[in-house]
């Protein structure tokens, strides 16, 4: 890695953290923001300064405001990250990991010879679709699956649901949609036109196996209060599938899946979120949108078409 990174921060504590992190990353040179860095890390307070031209950005933001959306619409490579809680060791560690993975993702994508401003829209094949949902999710997922074509990549699902009902939900999908669906088991190989639903008491992970993807279902601690956890699935997809994945976060209470979807986006995956008007509970998709994990919010009746369009255009 050989990157010149500029910093533009009004928070001295945050600047101290970032300088220490960047100095430990090989191939990183810290320069002034006005020396045309390859990548600029800044806080959202500086977005309106008019000094940034087309430099790719990592924006540490309190939320997705109009100025941040405007930069995204310009086609610029931009990765929003939430402000860390500097008093929390866990929050700072997560922030450091997010910064490191964002820089690595930018470097890997830019070495493809594609201009950074087009990285969010470059064609790539979608190999796997990951869906996460909670409150109101079974009906939302069923509606989307009923409308999707079956000649698409395999679909893996985490729905917050008790153990007995996860199997029943998989059976319903199998019987009432055109997909072959089952409750996921360790060792399953993800196949096109198939749907795999996480067991109600086990985390579901995707593991890369040569040119295929294998599923792992295992018991474990509750993550964000849940087992299965959407974050666990999305994190595994970010690692195993990277930019060849499509992630969608549906209606649900809480914040499970938001950070995992952000990790997917940081690896170049396409990401969608259900919009507020069509959500039973606008919790999980709201948090995911606010931290920059969601590229596009879509109403439930339009999600199947949006998913199909992304797949067909890749």
C-alpha atoms as a PDB file:
ATOM      1  CA  UNK A   1       0.000   0.000   0.000  1.00  0.00           C
ATOM      2  CA  UNK A   2       1.240   3.485  -0.863  1.00  0.00           C
ATOM      3  CA  UNK A   3      -1.243   6.222   0.018  1.00  0.00           C
ATOM      4  CA  UNK A   4      -0.956   9.904   0.877  1.00  0.00           C
ATOM      5  CA  UNK A   5      -3.709  10.719   3.353  1.00  0.00           C
ATOM      6  CA  UNK A   6      -4.785  14.166   4.500  1.00  0.00           C
ATOM      7  CA  UNK A   7      -6.642  15.028   7.714  1.00  0.00           C
ATOM      8  CA  UNK A   8      -9.127  17.853   8.210  1.00  0.00           C
ATOM      9  CA  UNK A   9     -10.529  17.622  11.730  1.00  0.00           C
ATOM     10  CA  UNK A  10     -11.739  20.102  14.313  1.00  0.00           C
ATOM     11  CA  UNK A  11     -11.634  17.515  17.107  1.00  0.00           C
ATOM     12  CA  UNK A  12      -8.125  17.272  18.598  1.00  0.00           C
ATOM     13  CA  UNK A  13      -8.833  13.980  20.398  1.00  0.00           C
ATOM     14  CA  UNK A  14     -10.036  12.420  17.151  1.00  0.00           C
ATOM     15  CA  UNK A  15      -7.000  13.777  15.319  1.00  0.00           C
ATOM     16  CA  UNK A  16      -4.685  12.241  17.922  1.00  0.00           C
ATOM     17  CA  UNK A  17      -6.396   8.852  17.543  1.00  0.00           C
ATOM     18  CA  UNK A  18      -6.197   8.948  13.748  1.00  0.00           C
ATOM     19  CA  UNK A  19      -2.550   9.996  13.616  1.00  0.00           C
ATOM     20  CA  UNK A  20      -1.604   7.090  15.881  1.00  0.00           C
ATOM     21  CA  UNK A  21      -3.643   4.631  13.787  1.00  0.00           C
ATOM     22  CA  UNK A  22      -2.251   5.827  10.455  1.00  0.00           C
ATOM     23  CA  UNK A  23       1.352   5.772  11.656  1.00  0.00           C
ATOM     24  CA  UNK A  24       0.983   2.054  12.409  1.00  0.00           C
ATOM     25  CA  UNK A  25      -0.362   1.275   8.910  1.00  0.00           C
ATOM     26  CA  UNK A  26       2.328   0.394   6.381  1.00  0.00           C
ATOM     27  CA  UNK A  27       2.569   2.544   3.270  1.00  0.00           C
ATOM     28  CA  UNK A  28       0.616   5.488   4.691  1.00  0.00           C
ATOM     29  CA  UNK A  29       2.008   9.022   4.556  1.00  0.00           C
ATOM     30  CA  UNK A  30       0.154  11.782   6.412  1.00  0.00           C
ATOM     31  CA  UNK A  31       0.196  15.102   4.554  1.00  0.00           C
ATOM     32  CA  UNK A  32      -1.635  18.411   4.753  1.00  0.00           C
ATOM     33  CA  UNK A  33      -5.182  18.425   3.378  1.00  0.00           C
ATOM     34  CA  UNK A  34      -4.218  21.125   0.829  1.00  0.00           C
ATOM     35  CA  UNK A  35      -1.385  19.050  -0.732  1.00  0.00           C
ATOM     36  CA  UNK A  36      -3.772  16.986  -2.906  1.00  0.00           C
ATOM     37  CA  UNK A  37      -3.827  13.752  -0.908  1.00  0.00           C
ATOM     38  CA  UNK A  38      -5.007  10.488  -2.465  1.00  0.00           C
ATOM     39  CA  UNK A  39      -7.624  10.250   0.275  1.00  0.00           C
ATOM     40  CA  UNK A  40      -8.928  12.836   2.720  1.00  0.00           C
ATOM     41  CA  UNK A  41     -10.309  11.992   6.167  1.00  0.00           C
ATOM     42  CA  UNK A  42     -12.427  14.814   7.548  1.00  0.00           C
ATOM     43  CA  UNK A  43     -15.292  15.575   9.886  1.00  0.00           C
ATOM     44  CA  UNK A  44     -18.653  16.626   8.478  1.00  0.00           C
ATOM     45  CA  UNK A  45     -18.160  20.193   9.757  1.00  0.00           C
ATOM     46  CA  UNK A  46     -15.779  20.800   6.827  1.00  0.00           C
ATOM     47  CA  UNK A  47     -17.975  19.424   4.036  1.00  0.00           C
ATOM     48  CA  UNK A  48     -19.263  22.841   3.017  1.00  0.00           C
ATOM     49  CA  UNK A  49     -15.865  24.545   2.849  1.00  0.00           C
ATOM     50  CA  UNK A  50     -15.609  24.254  -0.937  1.00  0.00           C
ATOM     51  CA  UNK A  51     -11.947  23.188  -0.885  1.00  0.00           C
ATOM     52  CA  UNK A  52     -12.259  19.535  -1.689  1.00  0.00           C
ATOM     53  CA  UNK A  53     -12.623  19.246  -5.476  1.00  0.00           C
ATOM     54  CA  UNK A  54     -12.833  15.535  -6.415  1.00  0.00           C
ATOM     55  CA  UNK A  55     -10.633  14.047  -3.699  1.00  0.00           C
ATOM     56  CA  UNK A  56     -12.077  10.760  -2.336  1.00  0.00           C
ATOM     57  CA  UNK A  57     -13.372  11.165   1.208  1.00  0.00           C
ATOM     58  CA  UNK A  58     -13.817   9.315   4.460  1.00  0.00           C
ATOM     59  CA  UNK A  59     -16.291  11.504   6.343  1.00  0.00           C
ATOM     60  CA  UNK A  60     -16.664  11.140  10.106  1.00  0.00           C
ATOM     61  CA  UNK A  61     -20.240  12.291  10.496  1.00  0.00           C
ATOM     62  CA  UNK A  62     -22.919  12.689  13.137  1.00  0.00           C
ATOM     63  CA  UNK A  63     -25.518  11.696  10.536  1.00  0.00           C
ATOM     64  CA  UNK A  64     -26.404  11.792   6.854  1.00  0.00           C
ATOM     65  CA  UNK A  65     -27.242  15.437   6.164  1.00  0.00           C
ATOM     66  CA  UNK A  66     -27.947  17.228   2.903  1.00  0.00           C
ATOM     67  CA  UNK A  67     -24.332  18.237   2.291  1.00  0.00           C
ATOM     68  CA  UNK A  68     -23.161  14.638   2.603  1.00  0.00           C
ATOM     69  CA  UNK A  69     -25.899  13.432   0.248  1.00  0.00           C
ATOM     70  CA  UNK A  70     -24.886  16.118  -2.253  1.00  0.00           C
ATOM     71  CA  UNK A  71     -21.298  14.864  -2.354  1.00  0.00           C
ATOM     72  CA  UNK A  72     -22.583  11.312  -2.889  1.00  0.00           C
ATOM     73  CA  UNK A  73     -24.730  12.447  -5.819  1.00  0.00           C
ATOM     74  CA  UNK A  74     -21.625  13.910  -7.483  1.00  0.00           C
ATOM     75  CA  UNK A  75     -20.393  10.356  -8.037  1.00  0.00           C
ATOM     76  CA  UNK A  76     -17.459  10.897  -5.704  1.00  0.00           C
ATOM     77  CA  UNK A  77     -15.979   7.980  -3.740  1.00  0.00           C
ATOM     78  CA  UNK A  78     -17.172   8.698  -0.221  1.00  0.00           C
ATOM     79  CA  UNK A  79     -17.352   6.563   2.904  1.00  0.00           C
ATOM     80  CA  UNK A  80     -19.287   7.960   5.886  1.00  0.00           C
ATOM     81  CA  UNK A  81     -18.346   6.699   9.352  1.00  0.00           C
ATOM     82  CA  UNK A  82     -20.055   7.506  12.661  1.00  0.00           C
ATOM     83  CA  UNK A  83     -18.316   9.587  15.334  1.00  0.00           C
ATOM     84  CA  UNK A  84     -16.832   7.331  18.026  1.00  0.00           C
ATOM     85  CA  UNK A  85     -17.651   7.747  21.684  1.00  0.00           C
ATOM     86  CA  UNK A  86     -14.129   8.622  22.798  1.00  0.00           C
ATOM     87  CA  UNK A  87     -14.930   7.733  26.420  1.00  0.00           C
ATOM     88  CA  UNK A  88     -15.756   4.154  25.371  1.00  0.00           C
ATOM     89  CA  UNK A  89     -12.837   1.809  24.665  1.00  0.00           C
ATOM     90  CA  UNK A  90     -15.149  -0.496  22.688  1.00  0.00           C
ATOM     91  CA  UNK A  91     -16.417   2.375  20.520  1.00  0.00           C
ATOM     92  CA  UNK A  92     -12.889   3.614  19.810  1.00  0.00           C
ATOM     93  CA  UNK A  93     -11.747   0.101  18.874  1.00  0.00           C
ATOM     94  CA  UNK A  94     -14.664  -0.276  16.468  1.00  0.00           C
ATOM     95  CA  UNK A  95     -13.879   3.136  14.994  1.00  0.00           C
ATOM     96  CA  UNK A  96     -10.219   2.199  14.468  1.00  0.00           C
ATOM     97  CA  UNK A  97     -11.232  -1.060  12.757  1.00  0.00           C
ATOM     98  CA  UNK A  98     -13.668   0.840  10.509  1.00  0.00           C
ATOM     99  CA  UNK A  99     -11.005   3.384   9.531  1.00  0.00           C
ATOM    100  CA  UNK A 100      -8.501   0.643   8.729  1.00  0.00           C
ATOM    101  CA  UNK A 101     -10.971  -1.397   6.661  1.00  0.00           C
ATOM    102  CA  UNK A 102     -12.188   1.707   4.789  1.00  0.00           C
ATOM    103  CA  UNK A 103      -8.632   2.680   3.838  1.00  0.00           C
ATOM    104  CA  UNK A 104      -7.840  -0.889   2.777  1.00  0.00           C
ATOM    105  CA  UNK A 105     -11.037  -1.099   0.704  1.00  0.00           C
ATOM    106  CA  UNK A 106     -10.240   2.210  -1.002  1.00  0.00           C
ATOM    107  CA  UNK A 107      -6.695   1.113  -1.813  1.00  0.00           C
ATOM    108  CA  UNK A 108      -7.754  -2.305  -3.151  1.00  0.00           C
ATOM    109  CA  UNK A 109     -10.474  -0.807  -5.339  1.00  0.00           C
ATOM    110  CA  UNK A 110      -8.309   2.044  -6.637  1.00  0.00           C
ATOM    111  CA  UNK A 111      -5.596  -0.417  -7.738  1.00  0.00           C
ATOM    112  CA  UNK A 112      -8.080  -1.846 -10.248  1.00  0.00           C
ATOM    113  CA  UNK A 113      -7.258   1.155 -12.422  1.00  0.00           C
ATOM    114  CA  UNK A 114     -10.688   2.732 -11.995  1.00  0.00           C
ATOM    115  CA  UNK A 115     -11.089   6.355 -11.038  1.00  0.00           C
ATOM    116  CA  UNK A 116     -12.039   6.695  -7.354  1.00  0.00           C
ATOM    117  CA  UNK A 117     -15.107   8.796  -8.178  1.00  0.00           C
ATOM    118  CA  UNK A 118     -16.664   5.826  -9.965  1.00  0.00           C
ATOM    119  CA  UNK A 119     -15.895   3.116  -7.433  1.00  0.00           C
ATOM    120  CA  UNK A 120     -19.413   3.053  -6.002  1.00  0.00           C
ATOM    121  CA  UNK A 121     -20.950   2.283  -9.379  1.00  0.00           C
ATOM    122  CA  UNK A 122     -18.437   0.040 -11.168  1.00  0.00           C
ATOM    123  CA  UNK A 123     -19.911  -3.140 -12.659  1.00  0.00           C
ATOM    124  CA  UNK A 124     -19.284  -6.344 -10.764  1.00  0.00           C
ATOM    125  CA  UNK A 125     -21.028  -9.670 -10.609  1.00  0.00           C
ATOM    126  CA  UNK A 126     -23.274 -10.295  -7.625  1.00  0.00           C
ATOM    127  CA  UNK A 127     -22.535 -13.754  -6.205  1.00  0.00           C
ATOM    128  CA  UNK A 128     -24.632 -13.715  -3.036  1.00  0.00           C
ATOM    129  CA  UNK A 129     -27.546 -11.785  -1.512  1.00  0.00           C
ATOM    130  CA  UNK A 130     -27.752 -11.253   2.268  1.00  0.00           C
ATOM    131  CA  UNK A 131     -30.976 -10.080   3.921  1.00  0.00           C
ATOM    132  CA  UNK A 132     -31.549  -9.068   7.546  1.00  0.00           C
ATOM    133  CA  UNK A 133     -34.815  -8.281   9.325  1.00  0.00           C
ATOM    134  CA  UNK A 134     -36.585  -8.163  12.677  1.00  0.00           C
ATOM    135  CA  UNK A 135     -40.017  -6.809  13.683  1.00  0.00           C
ATOM    136  CA  UNK A 136     -42.346  -7.028  10.684  1.00  0.00           C
ATOM    137  CA  UNK A 137     -39.664  -8.782   8.696  1.00  0.00           C
ATOM    138  CA  UNK A 138     -41.300 -12.113   7.906  1.00  0.00           C
ATOM    139  CA  UNK A 139     -44.041 -10.504   5.828  1.00  0.00           C
ATOM    140  CA  UNK A 140     -41.636  -8.005   4.251  1.00  0.00           C
ATOM    141  CA  UNK A 141     -39.206 -10.761   3.279  1.00  0.00           C
ATOM    142  CA  UNK A 142     -42.012 -12.966   1.980  1.00  0.00           C
ATOM    143  CA  UNK A 143     -43.335 -10.140  -0.197  1.00  0.00           C
ATOM    144  CA  UNK A 144     -39.914  -9.486  -1.733  1.00  0.00           C
ATOM    145  CA  UNK A 145     -39.111 -13.175  -2.273  1.00  0.00           C
ATOM    146  CA  UNK A 146     -42.481 -13.753  -3.909  1.00  0.00           C
ATOM    147  CA  UNK A 147     -41.679 -11.046  -6.481  1.00  0.00           C
ATOM    148  CA  UNK A 148     -38.034 -11.901  -7.204  1.00  0.00           C
ATOM    149  CA  UNK A 149     -37.009 -14.083 -10.159  1.00  0.00           C
ATOM    150  CA  UNK A 150     -35.274 -17.340  -9.242  1.00  0.00           C
ATOM    151  CA  UNK A 151     -32.389 -17.067 -11.726  1.00  0.00           C
ATOM    152  CA  UNK A 152     -30.425 -14.972  -9.252  1.00  0.00           C
ATOM    153  CA  UNK A 153     -27.631 -15.713  -6.753  1.00  0.00           C
ATOM    154  CA  UNK A 154     -28.358 -17.629  -3.572  1.00  0.00           C
ATOM    155  CA  UNK A 155     -30.014 -15.732  -0.725  1.00  0.00           C
ATOM    156  CA  UNK A 156     -29.082 -15.985   2.959  1.00  0.00           C
ATOM    157  CA  UNK A 157     -31.424 -14.577   5.593  1.00  0.00           C
ATOM    158  CA  UNK A 158     -31.282 -13.680   9.260  1.00  0.00           C
ATOM    159  CA  UNK A 159     -34.732 -12.969  10.675  1.00  0.00           C
ATOM    160  CA  UNK A 160     -35.059 -12.471  14.421  1.00  0.00           C
ATOM    161  CA  UNK A 161     -37.394 -15.374  15.178  1.00  0.00           C
ATOM    162  CA  UNK A 162     -37.637 -18.254  17.720  1.00  0.00           C
ATOM    163  CA  UNK A 163     -36.120 -21.642  16.741  1.00  0.00           C
ATOM    164  CA  UNK A 164     -39.329 -23.512  15.864  1.00  0.00           C
ATOM    165  CA  UNK A 165     -40.641 -20.675  13.736  1.00  0.00           C
ATOM    166  CA  UNK A 166     -37.468 -20.275  11.665  1.00  0.00           C
ATOM    167  CA  UNK A 167     -38.049 -23.712  10.162  1.00  0.00           C
ATOM    168  CA  UNK A 168     -41.716 -22.948   9.562  1.00  0.00           C
ATOM    169  CA  UNK A 169     -40.774 -19.665   7.881  1.00  0.00           C
ATOM    170  CA  UNK A 170     -38.318 -21.476   5.584  1.00  0.00           C
ATOM    171  CA  UNK A 171     -41.027 -24.021   4.712  1.00  0.00           C
ATOM    172  CA  UNK A 172     -43.464 -21.230   3.876  1.00  0.00           C
ATOM    173  CA  UNK A 173     -40.950 -19.640   1.498  1.00  0.00           C
ATOM    174  CA  UNK A 174     -40.319 -23.035  -0.097  1.00  0.00           C
ATOM    175  CA  UNK A 175     -44.012 -23.805  -0.571  1.00  0.00           C
ATOM    176  CA  UNK A 176     -45.384 -20.374  -1.476  1.00  0.00           C
ATOM    177  CA  UNK A 177     -42.632 -18.826  -3.608  1.00  0.00           C
ATOM    178  CA  UNK A 178     -40.703 -20.106  -6.612  1.00  0.00           C
ATOM    179  CA  UNK A 179     -37.512 -20.501  -4.547  1.00  0.00           C
ATOM    180  CA  UNK A 180     -36.166 -23.706  -3.050  1.00  0.00           C
ATOM    181  CA  UNK A 181     -35.852 -22.742   0.618  1.00  0.00           C
ATOM    182  CA  UNK A 182     -34.652 -24.448   3.770  1.00  0.00           C
ATOM    183  CA  UNK A 183     -33.457 -23.743   7.267  1.00  0.00           C
ATOM    184  CA  UNK A 184     -29.694 -23.330   6.951  1.00  0.00           C
ATOM    185  CA  UNK A 185     -27.359 -26.065   8.182  1.00  0.00           C
ATOM    186  CA  UNK A 186     -23.604 -26.139   8.619  1.00  0.00           C
ATOM    187  CA  UNK A 187     -22.059 -27.404   5.408  1.00  0.00           C
ATOM    188  CA  UNK A 188     -24.738 -26.110   3.057  1.00  0.00           C
ATOM    189  CA  UNK A 189     -23.291 -24.782  -0.201  1.00  0.00           C
ATOM    190  CA  UNK A 190     -25.065 -21.640  -1.389  1.00  0.00           C
ATOM    191  CA  UNK A 191     -26.767 -22.334  -4.726  1.00  0.00           C
ATOM    192  CA  UNK A 192     -28.461 -19.975  -7.170  1.00  0.00           C
ATOM    193  CA  UNK A 193     -32.224 -19.875  -6.829  1.00  0.00           C
ATOM    194  CA  UNK A 194     -32.064 -21.138  -3.246  1.00  0.00           C
ATOM    195  CA  UNK A 195     -32.908 -19.408   0.034  1.00  0.00           C
ATOM    196  CA  UNK A 196     -31.293 -20.262   3.377  1.00  0.00           C
ATOM    197  CA  UNK A 197     -32.906 -19.067   6.624  1.00  0.00           C
ATOM    198  CA  UNK A 198     -30.800 -18.879   9.800  1.00  0.00           C
ATOM    199  CA  UNK A 199     -31.964 -21.220  12.586  1.00  0.00           C
ATOM    200  CA  UNK A 200     -33.701 -19.276  15.336  1.00  0.00           C
ATOM    201  CA  UNK A 201     -31.039 -20.085  17.932  1.00  0.00           C
ATOM    202  CA  UNK A 202     -27.808 -20.081  15.894  1.00  0.00           C
ATOM    203  CA  UNK A 203     -25.637 -17.474  14.213  1.00  0.00           C
ATOM    204  CA  UNK A 204     -25.331 -17.849  10.441  1.00  0.00           C
ATOM    205  CA  UNK A 205     -22.022 -17.165   8.707  1.00  0.00           C
ATOM    206  CA  UNK A 206     -20.859 -17.372   5.098  1.00  0.00           C
ATOM    207  CA  UNK A 207     -17.421 -18.860   4.444  1.00  0.00           C
ATOM    208  CA  UNK A 208     -15.584 -18.758   1.109  1.00  0.00           C
ATOM    209  CA  UNK A 209     -14.686 -22.215  -0.182  1.00  0.00           C
ATOM    210  CA  UNK A 210     -12.631 -21.962  -3.395  1.00  0.00           C
ATOM    211  CA  UNK A 211     -15.134 -20.430  -5.841  1.00  0.00           C
ATOM    212  CA  UNK A 212     -18.204 -21.322  -3.756  1.00  0.00           C
ATOM    213  CA  UNK A 213     -19.731 -20.254  -0.450  1.00  0.00           C
ATOM    214  CA  UNK A 214     -20.349 -22.561   2.488  1.00  0.00           C
ATOM    215  CA  UNK A 215     -22.638 -21.890   5.448  1.00  0.00           C
ATOM    216  CA  UNK A 216     -21.779 -22.275   9.108  1.00  0.00           C
ATOM    217  CA  UNK A 217     -24.471 -22.341  11.803  1.00  0.00           C
ATOM    218  CA  UNK A 218     -23.231 -22.189  15.372  1.00  0.00           C
ATOM    219  CA  UNK A 219     -24.462 -21.327  18.827  1.00  0.00           C
ATOM    220  CA  UNK A 220     -22.941 -18.320  20.530  1.00  0.00           C
ATOM    221  CA  UNK A 221     -23.522 -15.291  22.689  1.00  0.00           C
ATOM    222  CA  UNK A 222     -26.269 -12.899  21.726  1.00  0.00           C
ATOM    223  CA  UNK A 223     -24.914 -10.052  19.597  1.00  0.00           C
ATOM    224  CA  UNK A 224     -26.859  -6.799  19.912  1.00  0.00           C
ATOM    225  CA  UNK A 225     -29.312  -8.854  21.963  1.00  0.00           C
ATOM    226  CA  UNK A 226     -29.901 -11.433  19.236  1.00  0.00           C
ATOM    227  CA  UNK A 227     -28.951 -14.944  18.170  1.00  0.00           C
ATOM    228  CA  UNK A 228     -29.036 -15.176  15.207  1.00  0.00           C
ATOM    229  CA  UNK A 229     -27.585 -11.723  14.657  1.00  0.00           C
ATOM    230  CA  UNK A 230     -27.777  -9.812  11.388  1.00  0.00           C
ATOM    231  CA  UNK A 231     -24.405  -8.210  12.160  1.00  0.00           C
ATOM    232  CA  UNK A 232     -22.780 -11.648  12.393  1.00  0.00           C
ATOM    233  CA  UNK A 233     -24.131 -12.605   8.965  1.00  0.00           C
ATOM    234  CA  UNK A 234     -23.281  -9.291   7.299  1.00  0.00           C
ATOM    235  CA  UNK A 235     -19.766  -9.239   8.792  1.00  0.00           C
ATOM    236  CA  UNK A 236     -19.098 -12.728   7.425  1.00  0.00           C
ATOM    237  CA  UNK A 237     -20.416 -11.725   3.996  1.00  0.00           C
ATOM    238  CA  UNK A 238     -18.196  -8.624   3.977  1.00  0.00           C
ATOM    239  CA  UNK A 239     -15.188 -10.850   4.630  1.00  0.00           C
ATOM    240  CA  UNK A 240     -16.071 -13.794   2.381  1.00  0.00           C
ATOM    241  CA  UNK A 241     -17.884 -12.201  -0.558  1.00  0.00           C
ATOM    242  CA  UNK A 242     -16.717  -8.574  -0.458  1.00  0.00           C
ATOM    243  CA  UNK A 243     -17.755  -6.406  -3.381  1.00  0.00           C
ATOM    244  CA  UNK A 244     -19.608  -9.283  -5.065  1.00  0.00           C
ATOM    245  CA  UNK A 245     -22.387  -9.209  -2.462  1.00  0.00           C
ATOM    246  CA  UNK A 246     -25.688  -7.384  -2.149  1.00  0.00           C
ATOM    247  CA  UNK A 247     -26.966  -6.598   1.356  1.00  0.00           C
ATOM    248  CA  UNK A 248     -30.441  -5.419   2.331  1.00  0.00           C
ATOM    249  CA  UNK A 249     -31.600  -4.387   5.795  1.00  0.00           C
ATOM    250  CA  UNK A 250     -35.339  -4.558   6.445  1.00  0.00           C
ATOM    251  CA  UNK A 251     -37.786  -3.315   9.056  1.00  0.00           C
ATOM    252  CA  UNK A 252     -36.845  -4.023  12.659  1.00  0.00           C
ATOM    253  CA  UNK A 253     -36.378  -2.651  16.143  1.00  0.00           C
ATOM    254  CA  UNK A 254     -32.916  -1.759  17.423  1.00  0.00           C
ATOM    255  CA  UNK A 255     -29.666  -1.534  15.494  1.00  0.00           C
ATOM    256  CA  UNK A 256     -28.619  -5.103  14.688  1.00  0.00           C
ATOM    257  CA  UNK A 257     -27.177  -5.286  11.179  1.00  0.00           C
ATOM    258  CA  UNK A 258     -26.300  -1.608  10.781  1.00  0.00           C
ATOM    259  CA  UNK A 259     -22.562  -1.952  11.405  1.00  0.00           C
ATOM    260  CA  UNK A 260     -22.357  -5.218   9.490  1.00  0.00           C
ATOM    261  CA  UNK A 261     -23.978  -3.576   6.480  1.00  0.00           C
ATOM    262  CA  UNK A 262     -21.485  -0.719   6.791  1.00  0.00           C
ATOM    263  CA  UNK A 263     -18.658  -3.255   6.714  1.00  0.00           C
ATOM    264  CA  UNK A 264     -20.192  -4.746   3.562  1.00  0.00           C
ATOM    265  CA  UNK A 265     -20.319  -1.329   1.923  1.00  0.00           C
ATOM    266  CA  UNK A 266     -16.732  -0.630   2.965  1.00  0.00           C
ATOM    267  CA  UNK A 267     -15.738  -3.757   1.030  1.00  0.00           C
ATOM    268  CA  UNK A 268     -17.534  -2.483  -2.079  1.00  0.00           C
ATOM    269  CA  UNK A 269     -20.816  -4.398  -1.772  1.00  0.00           C
ATOM    270  CA  UNK A 270     -24.116  -2.929  -2.958  1.00  0.00           C
ATOM    271  CA  UNK A 271     -26.380  -2.038  -0.019  1.00  0.00           C
ATOM    272  CA  UNK A 272     -30.069  -1.172   0.315  1.00  0.00           C
ATOM    273  CA  UNK A 273     -32.352  -0.287   3.206  1.00  0.00           C
ATOM    274  CA  UNK A 274     -36.124  -0.366   3.586  1.00  0.00           C
ATOM    275  CA  UNK A 275     -37.515   3.148   3.850  1.00  0.00           C
ATOM    276  CA  UNK A 276     -39.328   4.612   6.853  1.00  0.00           C
ATOM    277  CA  UNK A 277     -42.796   4.813   5.308  1.00  0.00           C
ATOM    278  CA  UNK A 278     -42.969   1.093   4.504  1.00  0.00           C
ATOM    279  CA  UNK A 279     -41.258  -0.197   7.681  1.00  0.00           C
ATOM    280  CA  UNK A 280     -43.289  -1.599  10.567  1.00  0.00           C
ATOM    281  CA  UNK A 281     -40.487  -0.389  12.858  1.00  0.00           C
ATOM    282  CA  UNK A 282     -37.944   2.019  11.381  1.00  0.00           C
ATOM    283  CA  UNK A 283     -35.090   1.090  13.691  1.00  0.00           C
ATOM    284  CA  UNK A 284     -32.477  -1.123  12.057  1.00  0.00           C
ATOM    285  CA  UNK A 285     -32.726   0.495   8.596  1.00  0.00           C
ATOM    286  CA  UNK A 286     -32.722   3.967  10.163  1.00  0.00           C
ATOM    287  CA  UNK A 287     -29.468   3.405  12.058  1.00  0.00           C
ATOM    288  CA  UNK A 288     -27.906   1.769   9.006  1.00  0.00           C
ATOM    289  CA  UNK A 289     -28.818   4.788   6.873  1.00  0.00           C
ATOM    290  CA  UNK A 290     -27.588   7.297   9.456  1.00  0.00           C
ATOM    291  CA  UNK A 291     -24.126   5.724   9.710  1.00  0.00           C
ATOM    292  CA  UNK A 292     -23.715   5.564   5.934  1.00  0.00           C
ATOM    293  CA  UNK A 293     -24.228   1.825   5.475  1.00  0.00           C
ATOM    294  CA  UNK A 294     -27.155   2.206   3.060  1.00  0.00           C
ATOM    295  CA  UNK A 295     -26.493   3.381  -0.482  1.00  0.00           C
ATOM    296  CA  UNK A 296     -30.195   3.719  -1.274  1.00  0.00           C
ATOM    297  CA  UNK A 297     -33.435   3.618   0.724  1.00  0.00           C
ATOM    298  CA  UNK A 298     -36.270   1.846  -1.073  1.00  0.00           C
ATOM    299  CA  UNK A 299     -39.976   1.361  -0.324  1.00  0.00           C
ATOM    300  CA  UNK A 300     -40.954  -2.263   0.283  1.00  0.00           C
ATOM    301  CA  UNK A 301     -43.116  -2.555  -2.870  1.00  0.00           C
ATOM    302  CA  UNK A 302     -40.092  -1.534  -4.976  1.00  0.00           C
ATOM    303  CA  UNK A 303     -37.378  -3.599  -3.283  1.00  0.00           C
ATOM    304  CA  UNK A 304     -37.696  -6.707  -5.458  1.00  0.00           C
ATOM    305  CA  UNK A 305     -37.338  -4.629  -8.618  1.00  0.00           C
ATOM    306  CA  UNK A 306     -34.380  -2.697  -7.168  1.00  0.00           C
ATOM    307  CA  UNK A 307     -32.602  -5.930  -6.211  1.00  0.00           C
ATOM    308  CA  UNK A 308     -33.240  -7.381  -9.671  1.00  0.00           C
ATOM    309  CA  UNK A 309     -31.958  -4.225 -11.367  1.00  0.00           C
ATOM    310  CA  UNK A 310     -28.712  -4.279  -9.375  1.00  0.00           C
ATOM    311  CA  UNK A 311     -28.122  -7.934 -10.230  1.00  0.00           C
ATOM    312  CA  UNK A 312     -28.950  -7.564 -13.921  1.00  0.00           C
ATOM    313  CA  UNK A 313     -26.748  -4.472 -14.281  1.00  0.00           C
ATOM    314  CA  UNK A 314     -23.744  -6.318 -12.878  1.00  0.00           C
END
